[in-house]
């Protein structure tokens, strides 16, 4: 299965990198790499994340960092679409 990133998710990933890199460039690379590696796992294990109350949207924590990846499995051939990446510390879930 292929993992595709939406434009919104890529912008959010870049914002995470920019924010962290302002203090520590190496840490920014490490965090973004971890988020990407976590998302890549979904290619083989698309049901790894938890279901949300938003229909077919699932979520997966990019442990050990406080970033939650929101994604959907859809399409033909089936694909994992990364919808957004959110810092769970910034606002409580709705």
Protein backbone atom coordinates (compact mmCIF):
# COMPACT_ATOMS: atom_id res chain seq x y z
CA UNK A 1 0.00 0.00 0.00
CA UNK A 2 1.23 3.49 -0.79
CA UNK A 3 1.39 6.37 1.73
CA UNK A 4 0.51 9.78 0.28
CA UNK A 5 0.75 13.12 2.08
CA UNK A 6 -1.82 15.85 1.50
CA UNK A 7 -0.59 19.40 0.92
CA UNK A 8 -2.02 20.38 4.32
CA UNK A 9 -0.08 17.65 6.12
CA UNK A 10 3.16 18.62 4.35
CA UNK A 11 2.70 22.26 5.36
CA UNK A 12 2.14 21.17 8.95
CA UNK A 13 5.22 18.96 8.85
CA UNK A 14 7.30 21.88 7.56
CA UNK A 15 5.90 24.13 10.30
CA UNK A 16 6.94 21.58 12.93
CA UNK A 17 10.43 21.50 11.46
CA UNK A 18 10.71 25.29 11.33
CA UNK A 19 9.50 25.71 14.91
CA UNK A 20 11.92 23.17 16.38
CA UNK A 21 14.84 24.19 14.12
CA UNK A 22 14.69 27.71 15.54
CA UNK A 23 16.16 26.21 18.72
CA UNK A 24 17.84 23.02 17.56
CA UNK A 25 18.26 22.04 13.91
CA UNK A 26 19.37 18.46 14.68
CA UNK A 27 16.33 17.89 16.90
CA UNK A 28 14.04 19.21 14.16
CA UNK A 29 15.42 16.69 11.69
CA UNK A 30 15.08 13.90 14.26
CA UNK A 31 11.44 14.73 15.05
CA UNK A 32 10.36 15.10 11.41
CA UNK A 33 12.16 11.88 10.48
CA UNK A 34 10.36 10.07 13.29
CA UNK A 35 6.98 11.38 12.10
CA UNK A 36 7.73 10.25 8.54
CA UNK A 37 8.90 6.82 9.72
CA UNK A 38 5.75 6.39 11.80
CA UNK A 39 3.61 7.28 8.77
CA UNK A 40 5.60 4.85 6.60
CA UNK A 41 4.59 1.98 8.91
CA UNK A 42 1.02 2.53 7.75
CA UNK A 43 1.92 1.19 4.30
CA UNK A 44 2.11 -2.30 5.82
CA UNK A 45 -0.20 -1.81 8.80
CA UNK A 46 -2.94 0.63 7.77
CA UNK A 47 -5.17 -0.33 10.69
CA UNK A 48 -2.46 0.39 13.26
CA UNK A 49 -4.03 3.68 14.31
CA UNK A 50 -7.05 4.28 16.49
CA UNK A 51 -10.44 5.04 15.01
CA UNK A 52 -11.76 8.54 15.47
CA UNK A 53 -15.33 9.78 15.64
CA UNK A 54 -14.88 11.15 12.09
CA UNK A 55 -15.93 8.14 10.05
CA UNK A 56 -13.00 6.51 8.31
CA UNK A 57 -10.30 8.82 9.73
CA UNK A 58 -7.77 7.11 11.97
CA UNK A 59 -5.01 8.53 14.15
CA UNK A 60 -1.56 7.34 15.17
CA UNK A 61 0.81 8.90 17.70
CA UNK A 62 4.37 9.50 16.45
CA UNK A 63 5.85 8.23 19.70
CA UNK A 64 7.92 9.38 21.61
CA UNK A 65 6.98 12.82 20.30
CA UNK A 66 3.64 14.56 20.94
CA UNK A 67 2.53 14.57 17.32
CA UNK A 68 -0.59 12.79 16.14
CA UNK A 69 -0.93 11.71 12.51
CA UNK A 70 -4.45 11.74 11.08
CA UNK A 71 -5.01 9.54 8.05
CA UNK A 72 -7.57 7.76 5.89
CA UNK A 73 -7.31 4.50 3.96
CA UNK A 74 -9.15 4.85 0.67
CA UNK A 75 -9.00 4.60 -3.07
CA UNK A 76 -8.41 1.95 -5.63
CA UNK A 77 -5.71 0.79 -5.41
CA UNK A 78 -5.95 1.32 -1.67
CA UNK A 79 -3.80 4.12 -0.34
CA UNK A 80 -3.06 5.67 3.02
CA UNK A 81 -3.58 9.43 2.81
CA UNK A 82 -1.97 11.46 5.58
CA UNK A 83 -4.47 14.23 6.25
CA UNK A 84 -2.74 16.22 8.96
CA UNK A 85 -0.11 16.19 11.70
CA UNK A 86 -1.04 17.85 14.96
CA UNK A 87 0.88 18.71 18.13
CA UNK A 88 -1.35 17.26 20.84
CA UNK A 89 -0.08 19.81 23.36
CA UNK A 90 -1.43 22.82 21.48
CA UNK A 91 -5.19 22.29 21.72
CA UNK A 92 -7.23 19.54 23.26
CA UNK A 93 -8.98 17.18 20.86
CA UNK A 94 -12.49 18.17 19.97
